[in-house]
Amino acid sequence: MFDHTGVNASDFARSKAFYDAALAALGSRHLFTVPPEFTDGAQVAGYGQDRPQFWLSEDAPHIPPVHIAFAARSRAQVDAFHAAALAAGGTDNGKPGLRPHYHDHYYGAFVLDPDGNNIEAVCHAPEG
């Protein structure tokens, strides 16, 4: 449904390392760095698979923190996202598992990024 979205980071290098690892587990990667002459010197990185759809910007985080859910193709990808995000400095905010209160096949995992944003990976497909 969305074309692109993003979050601000108080410590760009720490947050970039977090998203490099967490999004790689979902098959996405850092694709583009906006030249500083177009950002008043702030660091801005775009992530995606074929085009940037998630943007990380050097700036003060918004209060309250945001929630973003990234699509995963399988439950194994959700598990890999959670493990990679924790290894990269994220904080567990909901271990991988079914969330049947959303729907029967909702399999998700939640982590807090370095700025406290609630970042999720979710797979809607039945197991198998």
N, C-alpha and C. Protein backbone atom coordinates (compact mmCIF):
# COMPACT_ATOMS: atom_id res chain seq x y z
N MET A 1 0.80 -1.18 0.00
CA MET A 1 0.00 0.00 0.00
C MET A 1 0.85 1.26 0.00
N PHE A 2 1.96 1.28 0.71
CA PHE A 2 2.76 2.49 0.71
C PHE A 2 3.82 2.45 -0.39
N ASP A 3 4.19 3.62 -0.87
CA ASP A 3 5.26 3.74 -1.85
C ASP A 3 6.61 3.76 -1.17
N HIS A 4 6.72 4.57 -0.13
CA HIS A 4 7.95 4.60 0.67
C HIS A 4 7.65 5.25 2.02
N THR A 5 8.50 4.96 2.97
CA THR A 5 8.38 5.52 4.31
C THR A 5 9.77 5.56 4.92
N GLY A 6 9.88 6.06 6.14
CA GLY A 6 11.18 6.11 6.77
C GLY A 6 11.12 6.60 8.19
N VAL A 7 12.28 6.58 8.83
CA VAL A 7 12.43 7.05 10.20
C VAL A 7 13.66 7.93 10.30
N ASN A 8 13.67 8.74 11.35
CA ASN A 8 14.85 9.54 11.68
C ASN A 8 15.70 8.79 12.69
N ALA A 9 17.00 9.06 12.66
CA ALA A 9 17.95 8.40 13.56
C ALA A 9 18.79 9.43 14.29
N SER A 10 18.88 9.29 15.60
CA SER A 10 19.72 10.20 16.39
C SER A 10 21.20 9.86 16.23
N ASP A 11 21.52 8.58 16.02
CA ASP A 11 22.89 8.13 15.78
C ASP A 11 22.86 7.37 14.45
N PHE A 12 23.15 8.07 13.37
CA PHE A 12 22.97 7.51 12.03
C PHE A 12 23.78 6.23 11.84
N ALA A 13 25.05 6.22 12.24
CA ALA A 13 25.89 5.03 12.02
C ALA A 13 25.33 3.82 12.76
N ARG A 14 24.91 4.00 13.99
CA ARG A 14 24.35 2.89 14.78
C ARG A 14 23.06 2.39 14.14
N SER A 15 22.19 3.31 13.74
CA SER A 15 20.93 2.90 13.12
C SER A 15 21.15 2.27 11.75
N LYS A 16 22.11 2.79 10.97
CA LYS A 16 22.39 2.20 9.67
C LYS A 16 22.88 0.76 9.82
N ALA A 17 23.74 0.50 10.80
CA ALA A 17 24.21 -0.88 11.04
C ALA A 17 23.04 -1.78 11.41
N PHE A 18 22.11 -1.27 12.22
CA PHE A 18 20.93 -2.02 12.61
C PHE A 18 20.08 -2.37 11.37
N TYR A 19 19.75 -1.38 10.55
CA TYR A 19 18.90 -1.63 9.38
C TYR A 19 19.64 -2.44 8.30
N ASP A 20 20.94 -2.26 8.15
CA ASP A 20 21.70 -3.09 7.21
C ASP A 20 21.48 -4.57 7.53
N ALA A 21 21.59 -4.93 8.81
CA ALA A 21 21.46 -6.33 9.22
C ALA A 21 20.01 -6.80 9.20
N ALA A 22 19.12 -6.03 9.81
CA ALA A 22 17.72 -6.47 9.94
C ALA A 22 17.04 -6.59 8.58
N LEU A 23 17.25 -5.63 7.69
CA LEU A 23 16.58 -5.67 6.39
C LEU A 23 17.23 -6.67 5.44
N ALA A 24 18.52 -6.96 5.61
CA ALA A 24 19.16 -7.99 4.79
C ALA A 24 18.47 -9.33 4.99
N ALA A 25 18.02 -9.59 6.21
CA ALA A 25 17.33 -10.84 6.49
C ALA A 25 16.01 -10.96 5.73
N LEU A 26 15.48 -9.82 5.26
CA LEU A 26 14.24 -9.81 4.48
C LEU A 26 14.51 -9.65 2.99
N GLY A 27 15.77 -9.69 2.59
CA GLY A 27 16.11 -9.58 1.18
C GLY A 27 16.24 -8.16 0.67
N SER A 28 16.28 -7.19 1.58
CA SER A 28 16.47 -5.79 1.19
C SER A 28 17.87 -5.34 1.57
N ARG A 29 18.29 -4.26 0.93
CA ARG A 29 19.64 -3.76 1.22
C ARG A 29 19.71 -2.26 1.00
N HIS A 30 20.80 -1.68 1.46
CA HIS A 30 21.06 -0.25 1.24
C HIS A 30 21.31 -0.07 -0.25
N LEU A 31 20.47 0.71 -0.91
CA LEU A 31 20.57 0.90 -2.35
C LEU A 31 21.08 2.29 -2.75
N PHE A 32 20.88 3.29 -1.91
CA PHE A 32 21.13 4.65 -2.36
C PHE A 32 21.46 5.53 -1.17
N THR A 33 22.44 6.40 -1.36
CA THR A 33 22.75 7.44 -0.40
C THR A 33 22.50 8.77 -1.08
N VAL A 34 21.66 9.60 -0.47
CA VAL A 34 21.35 10.90 -1.05
C VAL A 34 22.59 11.79 -0.89
N PRO A 35 23.06 12.43 -1.96
CA PRO A 35 24.22 13.31 -1.85
C PRO A 35 23.95 14.43 -0.83
N PRO A 36 24.94 14.73 0.02
CA PRO A 36 24.73 15.70 1.10
C PRO A 36 24.33 17.09 0.63
N GLU A 37 24.65 17.46 -0.60
CA GLU A 37 24.25 18.78 -1.09
C GLU A 37 22.73 18.90 -1.26
N PHE A 38 22.02 17.76 -1.23
CA PHE A 38 20.57 17.78 -1.35
C PHE A 38 19.87 17.59 0.00
N THR A 39 20.65 17.44 1.07
CA THR A 39 20.06 17.17 2.39
C THR A 39 20.55 18.15 3.46
N ASP A 40 21.13 19.26 3.04
CA ASP A 40 21.74 20.19 4.00
C ASP A 40 22.79 19.51 4.86
N GLY A 41 23.47 18.52 4.30
CA GLY A 41 24.56 17.84 4.98
C GLY A 41 24.17 16.64 5.82
N ALA A 42 22.88 16.38 5.98
CA ALA A 42 22.44 15.23 6.77
C ALA A 42 22.65 13.94 5.96
N GLN A 43 22.94 12.85 6.66
CA GLN A 43 23.07 11.55 6.01
C GLN A 43 21.68 10.96 5.79
N VAL A 44 21.44 10.44 4.59
CA VAL A 44 20.16 9.82 4.24
C VAL A 44 20.45 8.58 3.40
N ALA A 45 19.90 7.43 3.82
CA ALA A 45 20.12 6.17 3.12
C ALA A 45 18.78 5.56 2.73
N GLY A 46 18.70 5.01 1.51
CA GLY A 46 17.49 4.35 1.03
C GLY A 46 17.69 2.86 0.93
N TYR A 47 16.71 2.09 1.37
CA TYR A 47 16.76 0.63 1.38
C TYR A 47 15.62 0.06 0.55
N GLY A 48 15.86 -1.11 -0.02
CA GLY A 48 14.81 -1.81 -0.75
C GLY A 48 15.38 -3.02 -1.44
N GLN A 49 14.59 -3.55 -2.37
CA GLN A 49 15.04 -4.68 -3.18
C GLN A 49 15.37 -4.23 -4.59
N ASP A 50 14.46 -3.50 -5.21
CA ASP A 50 14.73 -3.00 -6.55
C ASP A 50 14.73 -1.48 -6.61
N ARG A 51 14.20 -0.83 -5.59
CA ARG A 51 14.22 0.63 -5.47
C ARG A 51 14.07 0.98 -4.00
N PRO A 52 14.55 2.13 -3.59
CA PRO A 52 14.42 2.50 -2.18
C PRO A 52 12.95 2.69 -1.79
N GLN A 53 12.54 1.98 -0.75
CA GLN A 53 11.18 2.12 -0.22
C GLN A 53 11.19 2.47 1.26
N PHE A 54 12.34 2.36 1.89
CA PHE A 54 12.49 2.71 3.29
C PHE A 54 13.70 3.64 3.40
N TRP A 55 13.48 4.78 4.06
CA TRP A 55 14.52 5.80 4.17
C TRP A 55 14.93 6.01 5.62
N LEU A 56 16.22 6.06 5.83
CA LEU A 56 16.80 6.36 7.14
C LEU A 56 17.46 7.72 7.04
N SER A 57 17.06 8.65 7.90
CA SER A 57 17.56 10.03 7.84
C SER A 57 18.19 10.42 9.16
N GLU A 58 19.32 11.12 9.06
CA GLU A 58 20.00 11.63 10.24
C GLU A 58 19.24 12.85 10.76
N ASP A 59 18.60 12.70 11.91
CA ASP A 59 17.82 13.78 12.51
C ASP A 59 17.30 13.28 13.84
N ALA A 60 16.73 14.16 14.62
CA ALA A 60 16.12 13.76 15.88
C ALA A 60 14.90 12.89 15.59
N PRO A 61 14.73 11.80 16.34
CA PRO A 61 13.56 10.95 16.13
C PRO A 61 12.27 11.69 16.48
N HIS A 62 11.20 11.26 15.83
CA HIS A 62 9.89 11.83 16.12
C HIS A 62 9.33 11.20 17.38
N ILE A 63 8.64 11.97 18.15
CA ILE A 63 7.99 11.47 19.35
C ILE A 63 6.49 11.61 19.10
N PRO A 64 5.67 10.59 19.23
CA PRO A 64 6.05 9.26 19.66
C PRO A 64 6.75 8.48 18.54
N PRO A 65 7.45 7.41 18.92
CA PRO A 65 8.10 6.58 17.89
C PRO A 65 7.07 6.03 16.90
N VAL A 66 7.56 5.60 15.77
CA VAL A 66 6.67 5.06 14.73
C VAL A 66 6.68 3.54 14.74
N HIS A 67 5.69 2.97 14.06
CA HIS A 67 5.62 1.52 13.84
C HIS A 67 5.64 1.28 12.34
N ILE A 68 6.55 0.41 11.92
CA ILE A 68 6.65 0.03 10.50
C ILE A 68 6.73 -1.48 10.45
N ALA A 69 5.91 -2.08 9.58
CA ALA A 69 5.93 -3.52 9.38
C ALA A 69 6.44 -3.81 7.97
N PHE A 70 7.51 -4.60 7.89
CA PHE A 70 8.08 -5.01 6.62
C PHE A 70 7.53 -6.39 6.25
N ALA A 71 7.22 -6.59 4.98
CA ALA A 71 6.69 -7.85 4.50
C ALA A 71 7.80 -8.89 4.40
N ALA A 72 7.50 -10.08 4.88
CA ALA A 72 8.41 -11.22 4.74
C ALA A 72 7.73 -12.27 3.87
N ARG A 73 8.52 -12.99 3.09
CA ARG A 73 7.96 -14.01 2.19
C ARG A 73 7.69 -15.33 2.91
N SER A 74 8.32 -15.51 4.09
CA SER A 74 8.16 -16.79 4.81
C SER A 74 8.34 -16.55 6.30
N ARG A 75 7.90 -17.52 7.06
CA ARG A 75 8.10 -17.46 8.51
C ARG A 75 9.59 -17.53 8.84
N ALA A 76 10.35 -18.25 8.05
CA ALA A 76 11.80 -18.32 8.27
C ALA A 76 12.43 -16.93 8.12
N GLN A 77 11.93 -16.14 7.17
CA GLN A 77 12.45 -14.77 7.02
C GLN A 77 12.12 -13.92 8.25
N VAL A 78 10.93 -14.09 8.81
CA VAL A 78 10.57 -13.37 10.03
C VAL A 78 11.54 -13.74 11.15
N ASP A 79 11.81 -15.02 11.29
CA ASP A 79 12.76 -15.48 12.31
C ASP A 79 14.15 -14.89 12.08
N ALA A 80 14.59 -14.88 10.82
CA ALA A 80 15.91 -14.35 10.49
C ALA A 80 15.99 -12.85 10.75
N PHE A 81 14.93 -12.13 10.41
CA PHE A 81 14.85 -10.69 10.70
C PHE A 81 15.02 -10.43 12.19
N HIS A 82 14.27 -11.15 13.01
CA HIS A 82 14.31 -10.95 14.46
C HIS A 82 15.72 -11.21 14.99
N ALA A 83 16.32 -12.32 14.59
CA ALA A 83 17.67 -12.65 15.05
C ALA A 83 18.69 -11.61 14.60
N ALA A 84 18.61 -11.20 13.34
CA ALA A 84 19.56 -10.21 12.81
C ALA A 84 19.40 -8.86 13.50
N ALA A 85 18.15 -8.46 13.72
CA ALA A 85 17.89 -7.18 14.37
C ALA A 85 18.42 -7.17 15.81
N LEU A 86 18.22 -8.26 16.54
CA LEU A 86 18.74 -8.33 17.91
C LEU A 86 20.27 -8.33 17.91
N ALA A 87 20.87 -9.08 17.00
CA ALA A 87 22.33 -9.12 16.92
C ALA A 87 22.92 -7.77 16.55
N ALA A 88 22.13 -6.95 15.86
CA ALA A 88 22.61 -5.63 15.43
C ALA A 88 22.25 -4.52 16.43
N GLY A 89 21.81 -4.90 17.63
CA GLY A 89 21.57 -3.90 18.66
C GLY A 89 20.12 -3.57 18.93
N GLY A 90 19.19 -4.25 18.26
CA GLY A 90 17.78 -4.02 18.52
C GLY A 90 17.36 -4.64 19.84
N THR A 91 16.19 -4.25 20.31
CA THR A 91 15.62 -4.77 21.55
C THR A 91 14.36 -5.56 21.22
N ASP A 92 14.25 -6.76 21.78
CA ASP A 92 13.07 -7.58 21.53
C ASP A 92 11.81 -6.85 21.98
N ASN A 93 10.81 -6.85 21.12
CA ASN A 93 9.52 -6.25 21.45
C ASN A 93 8.39 -7.21 21.08
N GLY A 94 8.73 -8.48 20.89
CA GLY A 94 7.76 -9.51 20.53
C GLY A 94 8.41 -10.58 19.70
N LYS A 95 8.70 -11.73 20.31
CA LYS A 95 9.39 -12.82 19.63
C LYS A 95 8.58 -13.31 18.43
N PRO A 96 9.25 -13.96 17.46
CA PRO A 96 8.53 -14.50 16.31
C PRO A 96 7.45 -15.48 16.75
N GLY A 97 6.30 -15.36 16.12
CA GLY A 97 5.23 -16.29 16.42
C GLY A 97 3.92 -15.87 15.78
N LEU A 98 2.95 -16.77 15.89
CA LEU A 98 1.62 -16.50 15.37
C LEU A 98 0.93 -15.46 16.24
N ARG A 99 0.17 -14.59 15.61
CA ARG A 99 -0.66 -13.58 16.29
C ARG A 99 -2.10 -13.80 15.79
N PRO A 100 -2.78 -14.90 16.25
CA PRO A 100 -4.10 -15.23 15.73
C PRO A 100 -5.17 -14.19 16.05
N HIS A 101 -4.88 -13.27 16.96
CA HIS A 101 -5.84 -12.21 17.23
C HIS A 101 -5.90 -11.22 16.06
N TYR A 102 -4.90 -11.24 15.15
CA TYR A 102 -4.97 -10.45 13.92
C TYR A 102 -5.66 -11.26 12.82
N HIS A 103 -5.13 -12.46 12.54
CA HIS A 103 -5.80 -13.45 11.69
C HIS A 103 -5.04 -14.76 11.82
N ASP A 104 -5.62 -15.85 11.32
CA ASP A 104 -5.09 -17.20 11.57
C ASP A 104 -3.64 -17.41 11.17
N HIS A 105 -3.18 -16.74 10.12
CA HIS A 105 -1.83 -17.01 9.60
C HIS A 105 -0.85 -15.87 9.86
N TYR A 106 -1.22 -14.89 10.68
CA TYR A 106 -0.36 -13.72 10.94
C TYR A 106 0.81 -14.18 11.79
N TYR A 107 2.00 -14.20 11.18
CA TYR A 107 3.23 -14.61 11.85
C TYR A 107 4.18 -13.41 11.83
N GLY A 108 4.45 -12.87 12.99
CA GLY A 108 5.26 -11.66 13.05
C GLY A 108 6.28 -11.68 14.16
N ALA A 109 7.18 -10.71 14.10
CA ALA A 109 8.18 -10.47 15.14
C ALA A 109 8.40 -8.97 15.23
N PHE A 110 8.65 -8.49 16.44
CA PHE A 110 8.79 -7.06 16.69
C PHE A 110 10.09 -6.78 17.40
N VAL A 111 10.76 -5.71 16.98
CA VAL A 111 11.97 -5.22 17.65
C VAL A 111 11.88 -3.70 17.75
N LEU A 112 12.57 -3.16 18.73
CA LEU A 112 12.74 -1.72 18.82
C LEU A 112 14.08 -1.38 18.21
N ASP A 113 14.11 -0.42 17.30
CA ASP A 113 15.38 0.01 16.70
C ASP A 113 16.13 0.88 17.71
N PRO A 114 17.33 1.35 17.36
CA PRO A 114 18.12 2.14 18.32
C PRO A 114 17.43 3.40 18.83
N ASP A 115 16.43 3.91 18.12
CA ASP A 115 15.70 5.10 18.57
C ASP A 115 14.34 4.77 19.16
N GLY A 116 14.05 3.50 19.38
CA GLY A 116 12.79 3.12 20.01
C GLY A 116 11.62 2.92 19.07
N ASN A 117 11.86 2.98 17.76
CA ASN A 117 10.78 2.72 16.80
C ASN A 117 10.44 1.23 16.81
N ASN A 118 9.15 0.93 16.72
CA ASN A 118 8.67 -0.45 16.74
C ASN A 118 8.70 -1.00 15.31
N ILE A 119 9.67 -1.86 15.02
CA ILE A 119 9.89 -2.38 13.68
C ILE A 119 9.48 -3.85 13.66
N GLU A 120 8.67 -4.21 12.69
CA GLU A 120 8.10 -5.55 12.61
C GLU A 120 8.41 -6.18 11.27
N ALA A 121 8.52 -7.50 11.27
CA ALA A 121 8.49 -8.29 10.03
C ALA A 121 7.29 -9.21 10.16
N VAL A 122 6.52 -9.36 9.08
CA VAL A 122 5.31 -10.17 9.12
C VAL A 122 5.14 -10.98 7.85
N CYS A 123 4.69 -12.20 8.03
CA CYS A 123 4.33 -13.09 6.92
C CYS A 123 2.87 -13.48 7.12
N HIS A 124 2.07 -13.33 6.06
CA HIS A 124 0.64 -13.63 6.12
C HIS A 124 0.30 -15.00 5.53
N ALA A 125 1.29 -15.71 4.99
CA ALA A 125 1.05 -16.98 4.30
C ALA A 125 0.91 -18.11 5.32
N PRO A 126 0.08 -19.09 4.98
CA PRO A 126 0.02 -20.29 5.82
C PRO A 126 1.37 -21.00 5.81
N GLU A 127 1.67 -21.69 6.87
CA GLU A 127 2.94 -22.43 6.94
C GLU A 127 2.93 -23.51 5.87
N GLY A 128 4.15 -23.74 5.32
CA GLY A 128 4.25 -24.83 4.36
C GLY A 128 4.72 -24.47 3.05
